[in-house]
Amino acid sequence: MKVRVQFYAQLRDLVGMRELHVDVAEGSTVHDLLEQIYAQQPKLCAHDKSILIGAGVEFVNRNYKLSPGEEISIMPPVQGG
């Protein structure tokens, strides 16, 4: 199944693209998706412990089960001033 992944802020600059379409197996989780993305974009691995992951308009954890056509957002931690 296909999942659309969007990158934000410095992560978008790091990978050099706004979005990526990834094919994952039925029943895959966000963890599985990240493993595939890291294989294609190893620079992101350094940010693994700090990224936030959104599905639709909600933040999700790495055990979140993906649905076909889902939009996943990968972003750096929110910072304020």
C-alpha atoms as a PDB file:
ATOM      1  CA  MET A   1       0.000   0.000   0.000  1.00  0.00           C
ATOM      2  CA  LYS A   2       1.130   3.543  -0.652  1.00  0.00           C
ATOM      3  CA  VAL A   3       1.681   6.153   2.064  1.00  0.00           C
ATOM      4  CA  ARG A   4       2.473   9.815   1.497  1.00  0.00           C
ATOM      5  CA  VAL A   5       5.157  11.216   3.807  1.00  0.00           C
ATOM      6  CA  GLN A   6       5.689  14.947   4.234  1.00  0.00           C
ATOM      7  CA  PHE A   7       8.833  16.477   5.718  1.00  0.00           C
ATOM      8  CA  TYR A   8       8.872  19.799   7.576  1.00  0.00           C
ATOM      9  CA  ALA A   9      11.348  22.541   8.523  1.00  0.00           C
ATOM     10  CA  GLN A  10      15.021  21.510   8.671  1.00  0.00           C
ATOM     11  CA  LEU A  11      14.135  17.859   7.972  1.00  0.00           C
ATOM     12  CA  ARG A  12      12.773  18.916   4.572  1.00  0.00           C
ATOM     13  CA  ASP A  13      16.045  20.759   3.903  1.00  0.00           C
ATOM     14  CA  LEU A  14      18.049  17.742   5.066  1.00  0.00           C
ATOM     15  CA  VAL A  15      16.363  15.282   2.670  1.00  0.00           C
ATOM     16  CA  GLY A  16      15.979  17.828  -0.122  1.00  0.00           C
ATOM     17  CA  MET A  17      12.300  17.146  -0.783  1.00  0.00           C
ATOM     18  CA  ARG A  18       8.910  18.154   0.535  1.00  0.00           C
ATOM     19  CA  GLU A  19       7.282  14.747   0.262  1.00  0.00           C
ATOM     20  CA  LEU A  20       7.918  11.127  -0.539  1.00  0.00           C
ATOM     21  CA  HIS A  21       5.579   8.308  -1.557  1.00  0.00           C
ATOM     22  CA  VAL A  22       6.497   5.014   0.070  1.00  0.00           C
ATOM     23  CA  ASP A  23       5.143   1.516  -0.591  1.00  0.00           C
ATOM     24  CA  VAL A  24       4.731  -0.447   2.640  1.00  0.00           C
ATOM     25  CA  ALA A  25       3.231  -3.864   3.328  1.00  0.00           C
ATOM     26  CA  GLU A  26      -0.322  -4.197   4.662  1.00  0.00           C
ATOM     27  CA  GLY A  27      -0.279  -4.035   8.460  1.00  0.00           C
ATOM     28  CA  SER A  28       2.860  -1.873   8.593  1.00  0.00           C
ATOM     29  CA  THR A  29       3.420   0.529  11.452  1.00  0.00           C
ATOM     30  CA  VAL A  30       5.082   3.932  11.610  1.00  0.00           C
ATOM     31  CA  HIS A  31       8.188   2.103  12.876  1.00  0.00           C
ATOM     32  CA  ASP A  32       8.256   0.004   9.678  1.00  0.00           C
ATOM     33  CA  LEU A  33       7.773   3.110   7.562  1.00  0.00           C
ATOM     34  CA  LEU A  34      10.632   4.923   9.297  1.00  0.00           C
ATOM     35  CA  GLU A  35      12.963   1.975   8.718  1.00  0.00           C
ATOM     36  CA  GLN A  36      12.252   2.196   4.980  1.00  0.00           C
ATOM     37  CA  ILE A  37      12.716   5.957   4.932  1.00  0.00           C
ATOM     38  CA  TYR A  38      15.999   5.735   6.854  1.00  0.00           C
ATOM     39  CA  ALA A  39      17.288   3.193   4.324  1.00  0.00           C
ATOM     40  CA  GLN A  40      16.631   5.745   1.546  1.00  0.00           C
ATOM     41  CA  GLN A  41      17.554   8.846   3.568  1.00  0.00           C
ATOM     42  CA  PRO A  42      20.246   7.827   6.088  1.00  0.00           C
ATOM     43  CA  LYS A  43      20.815  11.469   7.120  1.00  0.00           C
ATOM     44  CA  LEU A  44      17.501  11.337   8.974  1.00  0.00           C
ATOM     45  CA  CYS A  45      18.733   8.602  11.359  1.00  0.00           C
ATOM     46  CA  ALA A  46      20.571  11.177  13.456  1.00  0.00           C
ATOM     47  CA  HIS A  47      17.198  12.825  14.224  1.00  0.00           C
ATOM     48  CA  ASP A  48      15.341   9.601  15.066  1.00  0.00           C
ATOM     49  CA  LYS A  49      15.012  10.216  18.801  1.00  0.00           C
ATOM     50  CA  SER A  50      13.664  13.751  18.423  1.00  0.00           C
ATOM     51  CA  ILE A  51      11.251  13.670  15.484  1.00  0.00           C
ATOM     52  CA  LEU A  52       7.518  14.045  15.871  1.00  0.00           C
ATOM     53  CA  ILE A  53       5.181  11.962  13.713  1.00  0.00           C
ATOM     54  CA  GLY A  54       1.696  12.982  12.708  1.00  0.00           C
ATOM     55  CA  ALA A  55      -1.068  11.033  10.982  1.00  0.00           C
ATOM     56  CA  GLY A  56      -3.684  13.409   9.670  1.00  0.00           C
ATOM     57  CA  VAL A  57      -4.073  16.047  12.395  1.00  0.00           C
ATOM     58  CA  GLU A  58      -2.936  13.924  15.366  1.00  0.00           C
ATOM     59  CA  PHE A  59       0.479  13.010  16.721  1.00  0.00           C
ATOM     60  CA  VAL A  60       1.035   9.241  16.747  1.00  0.00           C
ATOM     61  CA  ASN A  61       3.616   6.861  18.178  1.00  0.00           C
ATOM     62  CA  ARG A  62       5.713   4.347  16.290  1.00  0.00           C
ATOM     63  CA  ASN A  63       3.263   1.507  16.911  1.00  0.00           C
ATOM     64  CA  TYR A  64       0.522   3.306  14.985  1.00  0.00           C
ATOM     65  CA  LYS A  65      -0.820   1.033  12.231  1.00  0.00           C
ATOM     66  CA  LEU A  66      -0.850   2.658   8.795  1.00  0.00           C
ATOM     67  CA  SER A  67      -3.827   2.734   6.430  1.00  0.00           C
ATOM     68  CA  PRO A  68      -3.686   2.836   2.615  1.00  0.00           C
ATOM     69  CA  GLY A  69      -3.321   6.367   1.268  1.00  0.00           C
ATOM     70  CA  GLU A  70      -2.524   7.800   4.684  1.00  0.00           C
ATOM     71  CA  GLU A  71      -0.619  11.069   5.001  1.00  0.00           C
ATOM     72  CA  ILE A  72       2.197  10.984   7.534  1.00  0.00           C
ATOM     73  CA  SER A  73       4.075  14.091   8.675  1.00  0.00           C
ATOM     74  CA  ILE A  74       7.632  13.927   9.959  1.00  0.00           C
ATOM     75  CA  MET A  75       8.758  17.064  11.761  1.00  0.00           C
ATOM     76  CA  PRO A  76      11.322  18.314  14.221  1.00  0.00           C
ATOM     77  CA  PRO A  77      10.310  19.003  17.813  1.00  0.00           C
ATOM     78  CA  VAL A  78       8.179  22.094  18.301  1.00  0.00           C
ATOM     79  CA  GLN A  79      10.138  24.980  19.729  1.00  0.00           C
ATOM     80  CA  GLY A  80       8.921  28.271  21.037  1.00  0.00           C
ATOM     81  CA  GLY A  81      10.512  31.510  21.989  1.00  0.00           C
END
